[in-house]
Amino acid sequence: MFRRREPVPFAFTAEADTFRSNVAPPPRKRSSAGQIAGRCLFGLTLAAGIAGSLILGMPALSQDPSPAQTQHSVASDDR
């Protein structure tokens, strides 16, 4: 960037790209044991739900090459 030679009313805005703050953000609040346990239980519940839906849903998605028994309607039986 180039420097301006003429005076600027707000000089700090002209030099904003080189400005660094010496103020540190406040430290993060530590999570309590209950909050950590709750997050773990929530994650385990989500993982168990996904695994359970896959286990229960896989038989419905599989294709049987030969059905165990064929269904016949009573109306199509020849007497």
PDB file of N, CA and C in Angstrom:
ATOM      1  N   MET A   1       0.846  -1.175   0.000  1.00  0.00           N
ATOM      2  CA  MET A   1       0.000   0.000   0.000  1.00  0.00           C
ATOM      3  C   MET A   1       0.888   1.233   0.000  1.00  0.00           C
ATOM      4  N   PHE A   2       0.357   2.297  -0.476  1.00  0.00           N
ATOM      5  CA  PHE A   2       1.116   3.535  -0.529  1.00  0.00           C
ATOM      6  C   PHE A   2       0.689   4.453   0.610  1.00  0.00           C
ATOM      7  N   ARG A   3       1.578   5.295   1.023  1.00  0.00           N
ATOM      8  CA  ARG A   3       1.313   6.249   2.099  1.00  0.00           C
ATOM      9  C   ARG A   3       0.844   7.565   1.511  1.00  0.00           C
ATOM     10  N   ARG A   4      -0.113   8.163   2.188  1.00  0.00           N
ATOM     11  CA  ARG A   4      -0.579   9.485   1.763  1.00  0.00           C
ATOM     12  C   ARG A   4       0.343  10.550   2.358  1.00  0.00           C
ATOM     13  N   ARG A   5       0.610  11.520   1.573  1.00  0.00           N
ATOM     14  CA  ARG A   5       1.447  12.625   2.052  1.00  0.00           C
ATOM     15  C   ARG A   5       0.612  13.718   2.703  1.00  0.00           C
ATOM     16  N   GLU A   6      -0.635  13.902   2.243  1.00  0.00           N
ATOM     17  CA  GLU A   6      -1.463  14.953   2.809  1.00  0.00           C
ATOM     18  C   GLU A   6      -2.048  14.475   4.138  1.00  0.00           C
ATOM     19  N   PRO A   7      -2.345  15.368   5.044  1.00  0.00           N
ATOM     20  CA  PRO A   7      -2.894  14.978   6.334  1.00  0.00           C
ATOM     21  C   PRO A   7      -4.318  14.432   6.187  1.00  0.00           C
ATOM     22  N   VAL A   8      -4.608  13.423   6.938  1.00  0.00           N
ATOM     23  CA  VAL A   8      -5.923  12.796   6.927  1.00  0.00           C
ATOM     24  C   VAL A   8      -6.578  13.125   8.263  1.00  0.00           C
ATOM     25  N   PRO A   9      -7.864  13.479   8.260  1.00  0.00           N
ATOM     26  CA  PRO A   9      -8.498  13.833   9.531  1.00  0.00           C
ATOM     27  C   PRO A   9      -8.434  12.713  10.566  1.00  0.00           C
ATOM     28  N   PHE A  10      -8.579  11.497  10.119  1.00  0.00           N
ATOM     29  CA  PHE A  10      -8.489  10.364  11.036  1.00  0.00           C
ATOM     30  C   PHE A  10      -7.317   9.509  10.581  1.00  0.00           C
ATOM     31  N   ALA A  11      -6.175   9.768  11.101  1.00  0.00           N
ATOM     32  CA  ALA A  11      -4.957   9.088  10.655  1.00  0.00           C
ATOM     33  C   ALA A  11      -4.991   7.603  10.993  1.00  0.00           C
ATOM     34  N   PHE A  12      -5.690   7.227  12.058  1.00  0.00           N
ATOM     35  CA  PHE A  12      -5.707   5.812  12.436  1.00  0.00           C
ATOM     36  C   PHE A  12      -6.454   4.954  11.420  1.00  0.00           C
ATOM     37  N   THR A  13      -7.391   5.545  10.669  1.00  0.00           N
ATOM     38  CA  THR A  13      -8.082   4.766   9.635  1.00  0.00           C
ATOM     39  C   THR A  13      -7.198   4.575   8.420  1.00  0.00           C
ATOM     40  N   ALA A  14      -6.320   5.493   8.154  1.00  0.00           N
ATOM     41  CA  ALA A  14      -5.405   5.348   7.023  1.00  0.00           C
ATOM     42  C   ALA A  14      -4.361   4.285   7.314  1.00  0.00           C
ATOM     43  N   GLU A  15      -4.046   4.073   8.576  1.00  0.00           N
ATOM     44  CA  GLU A  15      -3.035   3.084   8.952  1.00  0.00           C
ATOM     45  C   GLU A  15      -3.684   1.855   9.601  1.00  0.00           C
ATOM     46  N   ALA A  16      -4.913   1.577   9.264  1.00  0.00           N
ATOM     47  CA  ALA A  16      -5.639   0.479   9.909  1.00  0.00           C
ATOM     48  C   ALA A  16      -5.051  -0.881   9.562  1.00  0.00           C
ATOM     49  N   ASP A  17      -4.388  -0.993   8.408  1.00  0.00           N
ATOM     50  CA  ASP A  17      -3.844  -2.290   8.033  1.00  0.00           C
ATOM     51  C   ASP A  17      -2.635  -2.669   8.885  1.00  0.00           C
ATOM     52  N   THR A  18      -1.969  -1.700   9.501  1.00  0.00           N
ATOM     53  CA  THR A  18      -0.806  -2.016  10.324  1.00  0.00           C
ATOM     54  C   THR A  18      -1.137  -2.022  11.805  1.00  0.00           C
ATOM     55  N   PHE A  19      -2.362  -1.712  12.173  1.00  0.00           N
ATOM     56  CA  PHE A  19      -2.728  -1.620  13.582  1.00  0.00           C
ATOM     57  C   PHE A  19      -2.943  -3.008  14.167  1.00  0.00           C
ATOM     58  N   ARG A  20      -2.363  -3.247  15.323  1.00  0.00           N
ATOM     59  CA  ARG A  20      -2.575  -4.492  16.045  1.00  0.00           C
ATOM     60  C   ARG A  20      -2.983  -4.149  17.468  1.00  0.00           C
ATOM     61  N   SER A  21      -3.974  -4.855  17.941  1.00  0.00           N
ATOM     62  CA  SER A  21      -4.471  -4.598  19.280  1.00  0.00           C
ATOM     63  C   SER A  21      -3.606  -5.325  20.299  1.00  0.00           C
ATOM     64  N   ASN A  22      -3.394  -4.683  21.436  1.00  0.00           N
ATOM     65  CA  ASN A  22      -2.665  -5.332  22.518  1.00  0.00           C
ATOM     66  C   ASN A  22      -3.628  -5.832  23.591  1.00  0.00           C
ATOM     67  N   VAL A  23      -4.922  -5.807  23.296  1.00  0.00           N
ATOM     68  CA  VAL A  23      -5.919  -6.259  24.255  1.00  0.00           C
ATOM     69  C   VAL A  23      -6.262  -7.710  23.922  1.00  0.00           C
ATOM     70  N   ALA A  24      -6.069  -8.587  24.888  1.00  0.00           N
ATOM     71  CA  ALA A  24      -6.366 -10.005  24.682  1.00  0.00           C
ATOM     72  C   ALA A  24      -7.841 -10.263  24.982  1.00  0.00           C
ATOM     73  N   PRO A  25      -8.469 -11.169  24.250  1.00  0.00           N
ATOM     74  CA  PRO A  25      -9.856 -11.505  24.560  1.00  0.00           C
ATOM     75  C   PRO A  25      -9.942 -12.215  25.912  1.00  0.00           C
ATOM     76  N   PRO A  26     -11.088 -12.149  26.549  1.00  0.00           N
ATOM     77  CA  PRO A  26     -11.200 -12.803  27.853  1.00  0.00           C
ATOM     78  C   PRO A  26     -11.078 -14.314  27.708  1.00  0.00           C
ATOM     79  N   PRO A  27     -10.577 -14.997  28.722  1.00  0.00           N
ATOM     80  CA  PRO A  27     -10.438 -16.447  28.625  1.00  0.00           C
ATOM     81  C   PRO A  27     -11.795 -17.122  28.568  1.00  0.00           C
ATOM     82  N   ARG A  28     -11.842 -18.276  27.900  1.00  0.00           N
ATOM     83  CA  ARG A  28     -13.096 -19.012  27.768  1.00  0.00           C
ATOM     84  C   ARG A  28     -13.482 -19.628  29.103  1.00  0.00           C
ATOM     85  N   LYS A  29     -14.783 -19.676  29.335  1.00  0.00           N
ATOM     86  CA  LYS A  29     -15.290 -20.264  30.563  1.00  0.00           C
ATOM     87  C   LYS A  29     -15.171 -21.775  30.457  1.00  0.00           C
ATOM     88  N   ARG A  30     -14.660 -22.407  31.496  1.00  0.00           N
ATOM     89  CA  ARG A  30     -14.487 -23.859  31.490  1.00  0.00           C
ATOM     90  C   ARG A  30     -15.827 -24.554  31.639  1.00  0.00           C
ATOM     91  N   SER A  31     -16.001 -25.642  30.923  1.00  0.00           N
ATOM     92  CA  SER A  31     -17.227 -26.417  31.016  1.00  0.00           C
ATOM     93  C   SER A  31     -17.213 -27.237  32.301  1.00  0.00           C
ATOM     94  N   SER A  32     -18.390 -27.366  32.896  1.00  0.00           N
ATOM     95  CA  SER A  32     -18.488 -28.168  34.108  1.00  0.00           C
ATOM     96  C   SER A  32     -18.529 -29.647  33.732  1.00  0.00           C
ATOM     97  N   ALA A  33     -18.377 -30.494  34.741  1.00  0.00           N
ATOM     98  CA  ALA A  33     -18.393 -31.939  34.507  1.00  0.00           C
ATOM     99  C   ALA A  33     -19.758 -32.377  33.977  1.00  0.00           C
ATOM    100  N   GLY A  34     -20.825 -31.767  34.450  1.00  0.00           N
ATOM    101  CA  GLY A  34     -22.166 -32.106  33.973  1.00  0.00           C
ATOM    102  C   GLY A  34     -22.357 -31.755  32.511  1.00  0.00           C
ATOM    103  N   GLN A  35     -21.808 -30.618  32.095  1.00  0.00           N
ATOM    104  CA  GLN A  35     -21.925 -30.228  30.694  1.00  0.00           C
ATOM    105  C   GLN A  35     -21.137 -31.172  29.795  1.00  0.00           C
ATOM    106  N   ILE A  36     -19.957 -31.569  30.236  1.00  0.00           N
ATOM    107  CA  ILE A  36     -19.144 -32.493  29.443  1.00  0.00           C
ATOM    108  C   ILE A  36     -19.845 -33.844  29.341  1.00  0.00           C
ATOM    109  N   ALA A  37     -20.397 -34.324  30.461  1.00  0.00           N
ATOM    110  CA  ALA A  37     -21.111 -35.604  30.455  1.00  0.00           C
ATOM    111  C   ALA A  37     -22.350 -35.518  29.566  1.00  0.00           C
ATOM    112  N   GLY A  38     -23.056 -34.407  29.612  1.00  0.00           N
ATOM    113  CA  GLY A  38     -24.232 -34.240  28.764  1.00  0.00           C
ATOM    114  C   GLY A  38     -23.881 -34.247  27.293  1.00  0.00           C
ATOM    115  N   ARG A  39     -22.787 -33.602  26.927  1.00  0.00           N
ATOM    116  CA  ARG A  39     -22.356 -33.596  25.526  1.00  0.00           C
ATOM    117  C   ARG A  39     -21.965 -34.991  25.068  1.00  0.00           C
ATOM    118  N   CYS A  40     -21.279 -35.731  25.950  1.00  0.00           N
ATOM    119  CA  CYS A  40     -20.886 -37.105  25.600  1.00  0.00           C
ATOM    120  C   CYS A  40     -22.117 -37.986  25.425  1.00  0.00           C
ATOM    121  N   LEU A  41     -23.076 -37.870  26.334  1.00  0.00           N
ATOM    122  CA  LEU A  41     -24.291 -38.670  26.225  1.00  0.00           C
ATOM    123  C   LEU A  41     -25.085 -38.311  24.974  1.00  0.00           C
ATOM    124  N   PHE A  42     -25.112 -37.044  24.645  1.00  0.00           N
ATOM    125  CA  PHE A  42     -25.817 -36.619  23.438  1.00  0.00           C
ATOM    126  C   PHE A  42     -25.155 -37.197  22.195  1.00  0.00           C
ATOM    127  N   GLY A  43     -23.835 -37.149  22.136  1.00  0.00           N
ATOM    128  CA  GLY A  43     -23.103 -37.722  21.005  1.00  0.00           C
ATOM    129  C   GLY A  43     -23.298 -39.223  20.900  1.00  0.00           C
ATOM    130  N   LEU A  44     -23.261 -39.913  22.040  1.00  0.00           N
ATOM    131  CA  LEU A  44     -23.482 -41.356  22.027  1.00  0.00           C
ATOM    132  C   LEU A  44     -24.903 -41.694  21.591  1.00  0.00           C
ATOM    133  N   THR A  45     -25.877 -40.884  22.006  1.00  0.00           N
ATOM    134  CA  THR A  45     -27.265 -41.114  21.604  1.00  0.00           C
ATOM    135  C   THR A  45     -27.416 -40.945  20.096  1.00  0.00           C
ATOM    136  N   LEU A  46     -26.790 -39.922  19.537  1.00  0.00           N
ATOM    137  CA  LEU A  46     -26.850 -39.731  18.084  1.00  0.00           C
ATOM    138  C   LEU A  46     -26.194 -40.887  17.340  1.00  0.00           C
ATOM    139  N   ALA A  47     -25.020 -41.313  17.815  1.00  0.00           N
ATOM    140  CA  ALA A  47     -24.318 -42.414  17.150  1.00  0.00           C
ATOM    141  C   ALA A  47     -25.129 -43.712  17.253  1.00  0.00           C
ATOM    142  N   ALA A  48     -25.726 -43.966  18.414  1.00  0.00           N
ATOM    143  CA  ALA A  48     -26.530 -45.173  18.580  1.00  0.00           C
ATOM    144  C   ALA A  48     -27.780 -45.121  17.698  1.00  0.00           C
ATOM    145  N   GLY A  49     -28.380 -43.957  17.555  1.00  0.00           N
ATOM    146  CA  GLY A  49     -29.548 -43.824  16.690  1.00  0.00           C
ATOM    147  C   GLY A  49     -29.222 -44.091  15.239  1.00  0.00           C
ATOM    148  N   ILE A  50     -28.097 -43.581  14.776  1.00  0.00           N
ATOM    149  CA  ILE A  50     -27.697 -43.812  13.385  1.00  0.00           C
ATOM    150  C   ILE A  50     -27.367 -45.285  13.175  1.00  0.00           C
ATOM    151  N   ALA A  51     -26.619 -45.881  14.119  1.00  0.00           N
ATOM    152  CA  ALA A  51     -26.277 -47.303  13.988  1.00  0.00           C
ATOM    153  C   ALA A  51     -27.529 -48.169  14.047  1.00  0.00           C
ATOM    154  N   GLY A  52     -28.449 -47.854  14.942  1.00  0.00           N
ATOM    155  CA  GLY A  52     -29.677 -48.630  15.044  1.00  0.00           C
ATOM    156  C   GLY A  52     -30.532 -48.532  13.802  1.00  0.00           C
ATOM    157  N   SER A  53     -30.611 -47.341  13.226  1.00  0.00           N
ATOM    158  CA  SER A  53     -31.412 -47.200  12.003  1.00  0.00           C
ATOM    159  C   SER A  53     -30.776 -47.963  10.845  1.00  0.00           C
ATOM    160  N   LEU A  54     -29.447 -48.019  10.814  1.00  0.00           N
ATOM    161  CA  LEU A  54     -28.799 -48.809   9.768  1.00  0.00           C
ATOM    162  C   LEU A  54     -29.037 -50.298   9.980  1.00  0.00           C
ATOM    163  N   ILE A  55     -28.945 -50.753  11.228  1.00  0.00           N
ATOM    164  CA  ILE A  55     -29.140 -52.175  11.506  1.00  0.00           C
ATOM    165  C   ILE A  55     -30.575 -52.584  11.204  1.00  0.00           C
ATOM    166  N   LEU A  56     -31.524 -51.771  11.612  1.00  0.00           N
ATOM    167  CA  LEU A  56     -32.925 -52.115  11.367  1.00  0.00           C
ATOM    168  C   LEU A  56     -33.336 -51.891   9.914  1.00  0.00           C
ATOM    169  N   GLY A  57     -32.676 -50.997   9.226  1.00  0.00           N
ATOM    170  CA  GLY A  57     -33.064 -50.676   7.863  1.00  0.00           C
ATOM    171  C   GLY A  57     -32.414 -51.543   6.805  1.00  0.00           C
ATOM    172  N   MET A  58     -31.313 -52.207   7.120  1.00  0.00           N
ATOM    173  CA  MET A  58     -30.617 -53.013   6.119  1.00  0.00           C
ATOM    174  C   MET A  58     -31.461 -54.165   5.581  1.00  0.00           C
ATOM    175  N   PRO A  59     -32.226 -54.905   6.393  1.00  0.00           N
ATOM    176  CA  PRO A  59     -33.052 -55.968   5.804  1.00  0.00           C
ATOM    177  C   PRO A  59     -34.101 -55.433   4.824  1.00  0.00           C
ATOM    178  N   ALA A  60     -34.593 -54.257   5.072  1.00  0.00           N
ATOM    179  CA  ALA A  60     -35.588 -53.690   4.167  1.00  0.00           C
ATOM    180  C   ALA A  60     -34.960 -53.263   2.844  1.00  0.00           C
ATOM    181  N   LEU A  61     -33.682 -52.941   2.859  1.00  0.00           N
ATOM    182  CA  LEU A  61     -33.012 -52.504   1.641  1.00  0.00           C
ATOM    183  C   LEU A  61     -32.415 -53.650   0.845  1.00  0.00           C
ATOM    184  N   SER A  62     -32.271 -54.823   1.449  1.00  0.00           N
ATOM    185  CA  SER A  62     -31.661 -55.948   0.738  1.00  0.00           C
ATOM    186  C   SER A  62     -32.674 -56.568  -0.220  1.00  0.00           C
ATOM    187  N   GLN A  63     -32.143 -57.130  -1.300  1.00  0.00           N
ATOM    188  CA  GLN A  63     -32.991 -57.769  -2.295  1.00  0.00           C
ATOM    189  C   GLN A  63     -32.842 -59.271  -2.159  1.00  0.00           C
ATOM    190  N   ASP A  64     -33.966 -59.968  -2.014  1.00  0.00           N
ATOM    191  CA  ASP A  64     -33.931 -61.423  -1.942  1.00  0.00           C
ATOM    192  C   ASP A  64     -33.926 -61.976  -3.365  1.00  0.00           C
ATOM    193  N   PRO A  65     -32.936 -62.800  -3.712  1.00  0.00           N
ATOM    194  CA  PRO A  65     -32.913 -63.360  -5.066  1.00  0.00           C
ATOM    195  C   PRO A  65     -34.051 -64.361  -5.291  1.00  0.00           C
ATOM    196  N   SER A  66     -34.391 -65.140  -4.287  1.00  0.00           N
ATOM    197  CA  SER A  66     -35.504 -66.078  -4.422  1.00  0.00           C
ATOM    198  C   SER A  66     -36.407 -65.925  -3.210  1.00  0.00           C
ATOM    199  N   PRO A  67     -37.641 -65.542  -3.407  1.00  0.00           N
ATOM    200  CA  PRO A  67     -38.533 -65.403  -2.272  1.00  0.00           C
ATOM    201  C   PRO A  67     -38.796 -66.756  -1.622  1.00  0.00           C
ATOM    202  N   ALA A  68     -39.000 -66.760  -0.300  1.00  0.00           N
ATOM    203  CA  ALA A  68     -39.195 -67.999   0.445  1.00  0.00           C
ATOM    204  C   ALA A  68     -40.486 -68.690   0.018  1.00  0.00           C
ATOM    205  N   GLN A  69     -41.542 -67.957  -0.127  1.00  0.00           N
ATOM    206  CA  GLN A  69     -42.801 -68.537  -0.597  1.00  0.00           C
ATOM    207  C   GLN A  69     -43.480 -67.533  -1.508  1.00  0.00           C
ATOM    208  N   THR A  70     -44.114 -68.042  -2.510  1.00  0.00           N
ATOM    209  CA  THR A  70     -44.829 -67.160  -3.428  1.00  0.00           C
ATOM    210  C   THR A  70     -46.278 -67.080  -2.983  1.00  0.00           C
ATOM    211  N   GLN A  71     -46.854 -65.938  -3.180  1.00  0.00           N
ATOM    212  CA  GLN A  71     -48.241 -65.733  -2.792  1.00  0.00           C
ATOM    213  C   GLN A  71     -49.155 -65.944  -3.977  1.00  0.00           C
ATOM    214  N   HIS A  72     -50.222 -66.699  -3.769  1.00  0.00           N
ATOM    215  CA  HIS A  72     -51.215 -66.913  -4.817  1.00  0.00           C
ATOM    216  C   HIS A  72     -52.531 -66.327  -4.348  1.00  0.00           C
ATOM    217  N   SER A  73     -53.217 -65.723  -5.251  1.00  0.00           N
ATOM    218  CA  SER A  73     -54.538 -65.220  -4.872  1.00  0.00           C
ATOM    219  C   SER A  73     -55.567 -66.335  -5.052  1.00  0.00           C
ATOM    220  N   VAL A  74     -56.589 -66.280  -4.251  1.00  0.00           N
ATOM    221  CA  VAL A  74     -57.641 -67.289  -4.312  1.00  0.00           C
ATOM    222  C   VAL A  74     -58.421 -67.158  -5.619  1.00  0.00           C
ATOM    223  N   ALA A  75     -58.525 -65.975  -6.147  1.00  0.00           N
ATOM    224  CA  ALA A  75     -59.294 -65.758  -7.374  1.00  0.00           C
ATOM    225  C   ALA A  75     -58.623 -66.411  -8.586  1.00  0.00           C
ATOM    226  N   SER A  76     -57.324 -66.602  -8.556  1.00  0.00           N
ATOM    227  CA  SER A  76     -56.641 -67.166  -9.716  1.00  0.00           C
ATOM    228  C   SER A  76     -56.526 -68.679  -9.659  1.00  0.00           C
ATOM    229  N   ASP A  77     -56.982 -69.319  -8.594  1.00  0.00           N
ATOM    230  CA  ASP A  77     -56.948 -70.787  -8.504  1.00  0.00           C
ATOM    231  C   ASP A  77     -57.967 -71.398  -9.450  1.00  0.00           C
ATOM    232  N   ASP A  78     -57.565 -72.428 -10.197  1.00  0.00           N
ATOM    233  CA  ASP A  78     -58.489 -73.154 -11.092  1.00  0.00           C
ATOM    234  C   ASP A  78     -59.135 -74.269 -10.321  1.00  0.00           C
ATOM    235  N   ARG A  79     -60.442 -74.365 -10.401  1.00  0.00           N
ATOM    236  CA  ARG A  79     -61.152 -75.431  -9.691  1.00  0.00           C
ATOM    237  C   ARG A  79     -61.673 -76.424 -10.660  1.00  0.00           C
TER     238      ARG A  79
END
